C-alpha atoms as a PDB file:
ATOM      1  CA  MET A   1       0.000   0.000   0.000  1.00  0.00           C
ATOM      2  CA  THR A   2       1.367   3.384  -0.953  1.00  0.00           C
ATOM      3  CA  HIS A   3       1.498   6.269   1.492  1.00  0.00           C
ATOM      4  CA  VAL A   4       2.073   9.924   0.630  1.00  0.00           C
ATOM      5  CA  TYR A   5       3.657  12.199   3.214  1.00  0.00           C
ATOM      6  CA  GLN A   6       1.638  15.427   2.924  1.00  0.00           C
ATOM      7  CA  GLU A   7       3.961  17.722   4.887  1.00  0.00           C
ATOM      8  CA  GLU A   8       7.016  16.434   3.026  1.00  0.00           C
ATOM      9  CA  CYS A   9       5.352  17.077  -0.340  1.00  0.00           C
ATOM     10  CA  GLU A  10       4.501  20.590   0.752  1.00  0.00           C
ATOM     11  CA  ALA A  11       8.079  21.153   1.989  1.00  0.00           C
ATOM     12  CA  GLU A  12       9.358  19.965  -1.420  1.00  0.00           C
ATOM     13  CA  GLY A  13       6.829  22.166  -3.237  1.00  0.00           C
ATOM     14  CA  VAL A  14       5.059  19.343  -5.097  1.00  0.00           C
ATOM     15  CA  ASP A  15       1.374  18.435  -5.335  1.00  0.00           C
ATOM     16  CA  PRO A  16       0.641  15.540  -2.938  1.00  0.00           C
ATOM     17  CA  LYS A  17      -2.260  14.358  -5.127  1.00  0.00           C
ATOM     18  CA  ARG A  18       0.030  14.070  -8.153  1.00  0.00           C
ATOM     19  CA  ILE A  19       2.655  12.258  -6.066  1.00  0.00           C
ATOM     20  CA  ALA A  20      -0.043   9.822  -4.877  1.00  0.00           C
ATOM     21  CA  GLN A  21      -1.082   9.140  -8.473  1.00  0.00           C
ATOM     22  CA  ILE A  22       2.527   8.480  -9.546  1.00  0.00           C
ATOM     23  CA  ALA A  23       3.224   6.316  -6.474  1.00  0.00           C
ATOM     24  CA  ARG A  24       0.168   4.154  -7.164  1.00  0.00           C
ATOM     25  CA  GLY A  25       1.247   3.666 -10.787  1.00  0.00           C
ATOM     26  CA  ILE A  26       4.826   2.720  -9.912  1.00  0.00           C
ATOM     27  CA  SER A  27       3.579   0.387  -7.166  1.00  0.00           C
ATOM     28  CA  ARG A  28       1.119  -1.272  -9.533  1.00  0.00           C
ATOM     29  CA  TYR A  29       3.880  -2.025 -12.045  1.00  0.00           C
ATOM     30  CA  ALA A  30       6.290  -3.173  -9.312  1.00  0.00           C
ATOM     31  CA  ARG A  31       3.683  -5.646  -8.009  1.00  0.00           C
ATOM     32  CA  GLU A  32       3.087  -6.913 -11.547  1.00  0.00           C
ATOM     33  CA  LEU A  33       6.831  -7.474 -12.025  1.00  0.00           C
ATOM     34  CA  GLU A  34       7.027  -9.193  -8.632  1.00  0.00           C
ATOM     35  CA  SER A  35       4.231 -11.573  -9.648  1.00  0.00           C
ATOM     36  CA  MET A  36       6.391 -12.561 -12.629  1.00  0.00           C
ATOM     37  CA  GLY A  37       9.402 -13.184 -10.383  1.00  0.00           C
ATOM     38  CA  LEU A  38      11.081  -9.987 -11.603  1.00  0.00           C
ATOM     39  CA  GLY A  39      12.096  -6.768  -9.917  1.00  0.00           C
ATOM     40  CA  VAL A  40      13.165  -3.160 -10.359  1.00  0.00           C
ATOM     41  CA  PHE A  41      16.727  -2.257  -9.409  1.00  0.00           C
ATOM     42  CA  GLY A  42      17.837   1.307  -8.841  1.00  0.00           C
ATOM     43  CA  GLY A  43      21.423   2.405  -8.561  1.00  0.00           C
ATOM     44  CA  GLY A  44      23.935   5.054  -9.484  1.00  0.00           C
ATOM     45  CA  THR A  45      23.656   4.243 -13.180  1.00  0.00           C
ATOM     46  CA  GLY A  46      19.837   4.341 -13.355  1.00  0.00           C
ATOM     47  CA  GLY A  47      17.025   1.853 -13.162  1.00  0.00           C
ATOM     48  CA  THR A  48      16.658  -1.588 -14.655  1.00  0.00           C
ATOM     49  CA  ILE A  49      14.126  -4.390 -14.705  1.00  0.00           C
ATOM     50  CA  ARG A  50      15.915  -7.554 -13.680  1.00  0.00           C
ATOM     51  CA  GLY A  51      15.171 -11.248 -13.889  1.00  0.00           C
ATOM     52  CA  LYS A  52      15.528 -14.003 -11.341  1.00  0.00           C
ATOM     53  CA  ALA A  53      18.887 -14.412  -9.646  1.00  0.00           C
ATOM     54  CA  ASP A  54      21.113 -17.339 -10.447  1.00  0.00           C
ATOM     55  CA  SER A  55      24.774 -18.100  -9.732  1.00  0.00           C
ATOM     56  CA  ARG A  56      25.825 -15.545 -12.370  1.00  0.00           C
ATOM     57  CA  GLY A  57      23.509 -12.732 -11.253  1.00  0.00           C
ATOM     58  CA  ARG A  58      20.201 -11.341 -12.446  1.00  0.00           C
ATOM     59  CA  LEU A  59      19.605 -10.794 -16.152  1.00  0.00           C
ATOM     60  CA  VAL A  60      18.953  -7.151 -17.094  1.00  0.00           C
ATOM     61  CA  LEU A  61      15.725  -7.213 -19.089  1.00  0.00           C
ATOM     62  CA  ALA A  62      15.215  -3.466 -19.639  1.00  0.00           C
ATOM     63  CA  THR A  63      16.638  -0.080 -18.734  1.00  0.00           C
ATOM     64  CA  LEU A  64      14.411   2.649 -17.289  1.00  0.00           C
ATOM     65  CA  ASP A  65      14.462   6.391 -17.846  1.00  0.00           C
ATOM     66  CA  GLY A  66      14.529   8.788 -14.915  1.00  0.00           C
ATOM     67  CA  GLU A  67      16.338   8.971 -11.600  1.00  0.00           C
ATOM     68  CA  PHE A  68      16.581   5.745  -9.618  1.00  0.00           C
ATOM     69  CA  ASP A  69      18.372   6.085  -6.301  1.00  0.00           C
ATOM     70  CA  GLY A  70      19.957   2.971  -4.848  1.00  0.00           C
ATOM     71  CA  GLY A  71      20.964   1.972  -1.354  1.00  0.00           C
ATOM     72  CA  ASP A  72      19.002   0.047   1.215  1.00  0.00           C
ATOM     73  CA  GLY A  73      16.041   2.430   1.078  1.00  0.00           C
ATOM     74  CA  ALA A  74      16.198   3.376   4.748  1.00  0.00           C
ATOM     75  CA  TYR A  75      14.237   6.407   5.897  1.00  0.00           C
ATOM     76  CA  GLY A  76      12.885   7.889   9.094  1.00  0.00           C
ATOM     77  CA  ALA A  77      11.703  11.014  10.835  1.00  0.00           C
ATOM     78  CA  ASP A  78      14.306  13.780  11.115  1.00  0.00           C
ATOM     79  CA  ASP A  79      14.555  16.176  14.051  1.00  0.00           C
ATOM     80  CA  ASP A  80      12.268  18.571  12.137  1.00  0.00           C
ATOM     81  CA  GLY A  81       9.586  15.837  12.074  1.00  0.00           C
ATOM     82  CA  LEU A  82       9.770  15.258   8.306  1.00  0.00           C
ATOM     83  CA  MET A  83      10.514  11.843   6.809  1.00  0.00           C
ATOM     84  CA  ARG A  84      13.956  11.785   5.171  1.00  0.00           C
ATOM     85  CA  GLY A  85      15.916   9.080   3.400  1.00  0.00           C
ATOM     86  CA  GLU A  86      19.603   8.532   2.932  1.00  0.00           C
ATOM     87  CA  SER A  87      21.201  10.896   0.413  1.00  0.00           C
END
C-alpha cells in the first residue's frame, strides 16, 4: 500500500495528489513485475528491470528512464519531524 507524506510534499513544493497518483502507478507495475518473479533495481547508473537471480547474477531485461536512487532504502523522521531518506 502506498502512502504519501503530505507535509514532506509541501516542503518539497510538489502536489501531494500528483505524487499519490505516480506512487500508485509505480507500485502497480512493481507488483506486476514481482508476480512474474522480476524486480526493479535502482542504482547510481539508473534503473533496470531484472530477472531471477542465479549463480551468475540477475539478467537485465530493460533499462528505465529517470532517476533511480539505490541503497538500502532506509528512511525515518528527522529532528524537524519530516521523513527523510539517505542521500
